[in-house]
């Protein structure tokens, strides 16, 4: 089993072919992708266990992280709030994201919503936190 180093990981986000790297990222929480299920219990079930079945659908989850925030350079994060994709926008007008790990492995995904906040604290740099809800499934390469 190989262990992938974290230093050198790059998070990129943008629209269409313009997907720049987001600078000064401190940490990333990778998506927790989940196969949906439903409770398939019936009144005549005498077993103690609750039966569940897969719906065949996948919830892509979300990507979140922390960074040193600089509004002058984090334009691909802030631009979405001034010009969000319109409902029914074409694929090349949607936000996409990629996480590239050292060695070249990648996670790619479509983004349907973005959240951005921050923290101002004494004896620390200006930090921001962000979250991107994924649209559909993550692809790996």
Protein backbone atom coordinates (compact mmCIF):
# COMPACT_ATOMS: atom_id res chain seq x y z
CA UNK A 1 0.00 0.00 0.00
CA UNK A 2 1.41 3.37 -0.94
CA UNK A 3 0.96 6.46 1.18
CA UNK A 4 0.32 9.64 -0.80
CA UNK A 5 1.93 12.76 0.62
CA UNK A 6 -0.45 15.70 1.08
CA UNK A 7 2.05 18.49 0.44
CA UNK A 8 1.67 19.48 -3.19
CA UNK A 9 -2.08 18.76 -3.43
CA UNK A 10 -3.86 21.37 -5.57
CA UNK A 11 -7.55 22.35 -5.49
CA UNK A 12 -8.83 24.01 -8.68
CA UNK A 13 -12.24 25.53 -9.32
CA UNK A 14 -13.73 27.49 -12.19
CA UNK A 15 -16.08 27.64 -15.14
CA UNK A 16 -15.67 25.78 -18.43
CA UNK A 17 -12.05 25.59 -19.57
CA UNK A 18 -10.94 28.22 -17.02
CA UNK A 19 -10.26 26.16 -13.88
CA UNK A 20 -7.46 27.91 -11.99
CA UNK A 21 -5.78 26.57 -8.85
CA UNK A 22 -7.02 28.09 -5.60
CA UNK A 23 -3.99 29.55 -3.80
CA UNK A 24 -3.05 29.28 -0.12
CA UNK A 25 -5.22 26.25 0.75
CA UNK A 26 -4.39 24.93 4.23
CA UNK A 27 -6.64 21.87 4.35
CA UNK A 28 -9.25 20.01 2.29
CA UNK A 29 -12.04 17.70 3.40
CA UNK A 30 -12.66 15.29 0.53
CA UNK A 31 -16.21 14.36 -0.48
CA UNK A 32 -18.01 11.63 1.40
CA UNK A 33 -19.81 10.01 -1.49
CA UNK A 34 -22.81 7.95 -0.45
CA UNK A 35 -24.98 5.39 -2.19
CA UNK A 36 -28.53 6.23 -1.13
CA UNK A 37 -30.70 3.62 0.55
CA UNK A 38 -34.20 3.34 1.90
CA UNK A 39 -35.76 1.42 4.76
CA UNK A 40 -37.48 -1.65 3.30
CA UNK A 41 -39.22 -2.84 6.46
CA UNK A 42 -42.71 -4.30 6.43
CA UNK A 43 -45.30 -4.79 9.14
CA UNK A 44 -44.98 -8.57 8.99
CA UNK A 45 -41.19 -8.55 9.50
CA UNK A 46 -40.50 -10.46 12.72
CA UNK A 47 -36.71 -9.97 12.61
CA UNK A 48 -35.04 -7.44 14.92
CA UNK A 49 -32.89 -6.03 12.12
CA UNK A 50 -34.17 -3.25 9.88
CA UNK A 51 -33.84 -4.25 6.21
CA UNK A 52 -32.53 -1.61 3.83
CA UNK A 53 -32.20 -1.51 0.05
CA UNK A 54 -30.09 0.58 -2.30
CA UNK A 55 -31.89 3.15 -4.47
CA UNK A 56 -29.19 2.90 -7.13
CA UNK A 57 -28.48 6.63 -6.78
CA UNK A 58 -25.32 8.32 -5.51
CA UNK A 59 -25.04 11.52 -3.46
CA UNK A 60 -21.72 13.11 -4.45
CA UNK A 61 -21.29 14.88 -1.11
CA UNK A 62 -19.27 18.06 -0.74
CA UNK A 63 -15.70 19.34 -0.68
CA UNK A 64 -14.70 21.82 1.99
CA UNK A 65 -11.52 23.41 3.14
CA UNK A 66 -9.64 26.18 4.84
CA UNK A 67 -7.28 28.72 3.30
CA UNK A 68 -5.46 31.94 4.00
CA UNK A 69 -7.98 34.35 2.48
CA UNK A 70 -6.90 37.08 0.07
CA UNK A 71 -9.87 38.52 -1.81
CA UNK A 72 -7.55 39.96 -4.46
CA UNK A 73 -6.35 36.50 -5.54
CA UNK A 74 -9.35 34.31 -4.70
CA UNK A 75 -11.44 35.61 -7.58
CA UNK A 76 -12.52 32.14 -8.77
CA UNK A 77 -14.08 31.58 -5.33
CA UNK A 78 -15.69 35.02 -5.07
CA UNK A 79 -16.83 35.35 -8.72
CA UNK A 80 -19.59 32.80 -8.27
CA UNK A 81 -21.40 35.18 -5.89
CA UNK A 82 -21.51 38.03 -8.40
CA UNK A 83 -22.42 35.89 -11.43
CA UNK A 84 -23.76 32.46 -10.45
CA UNK A 85 -24.64 29.99 -13.20
CA UNK A 86 -28.25 30.43 -14.29
CA UNK A 87 -30.68 27.53 -13.85
CA UNK A 88 -30.42 25.34 -16.93
CA UNK A 89 -26.99 26.76 -17.86
CA UNK A 90 -25.00 24.69 -20.34
CA UNK A 91 -22.25 22.35 -19.11
CA UNK A 92 -19.50 24.81 -20.04
CA UNK A 93 -21.18 27.49 -17.86
CA UNK A 94 -21.22 25.29 -14.74
CA UNK A 95 -18.57 25.36 -12.03
CA UNK A 96 -16.23 22.39 -11.93
CA UNK A 97 -13.53 21.38 -9.50
CA UNK A 98 -10.46 19.19 -9.48
CA UNK A 99 -8.23 17.98 -6.68
CA UNK A 100 -4.82 16.92 -7.99
CA UNK A 101 -2.67 14.87 -5.65
CA UNK A 102 1.13 14.56 -5.77
CA UNK A 103 1.93 11.91 -8.37
CA UNK A 104 -0.90 13.06 -10.67
CA UNK A 105 -4.00 11.24 -9.36
CA UNK A 106 -7.11 13.40 -9.71
CA UNK A 107 -10.65 13.75 -8.39
CA UNK A 108 -12.91 15.78 -10.71
CA UNK A 109 -16.46 16.91 -10.04
CA UNK A 110 -19.22 19.34 -11.00
CA UNK A 111 -20.20 21.94 -8.40
CA UNK A 112 -23.79 23.07 -7.84
CA UNK A 113 -23.33 25.45 -4.89
CA UNK A 114 -20.53 27.25 -3.06
CA UNK A 115 -20.31 28.64 0.45
CA UNK A 116 -17.53 31.01 1.58
CA UNK A 117 -16.84 32.42 5.03
CA UNK A 118 -13.92 33.48 7.13
CA UNK A 119 -12.36 34.09 10.51
CA UNK A 120 -10.53 37.14 11.80
CA UNK A 121 -8.53 36.34 14.93
CA UNK A 122 -5.80 38.03 16.93
CA UNK A 123 -2.35 36.52 16.34
CA UNK A 124 -3.39 34.71 13.16
CA UNK A 125 -3.66 35.37 9.44
CA UNK A 126 -7.01 36.11 7.79
CA UNK A 127 -8.50 32.67 7.16
CA UNK A 128 -11.37 31.63 4.97
CA UNK A 129 -13.40 28.47 4.84
CA UNK A 130 -15.30 27.20 1.84
CA UNK A 131 -17.65 24.38 0.94
CA UNK A 132 -18.71 23.16 -2.49
CA UNK A 133 -21.73 20.89 -2.87
CA UNK A 134 -21.19 18.40 -5.68
CA UNK A 135 -23.57 17.75 -8.55
CA UNK A 136 -23.50 14.07 -9.41
CA UNK A 137 -20.62 11.68 -8.98
CA UNK A 138 -16.90 12.30 -8.60
CA UNK A 139 -14.66 10.89 -11.31
CA UNK A 140 -11.19 9.56 -10.57
CA UNK A 141 -8.18 9.43 -12.87
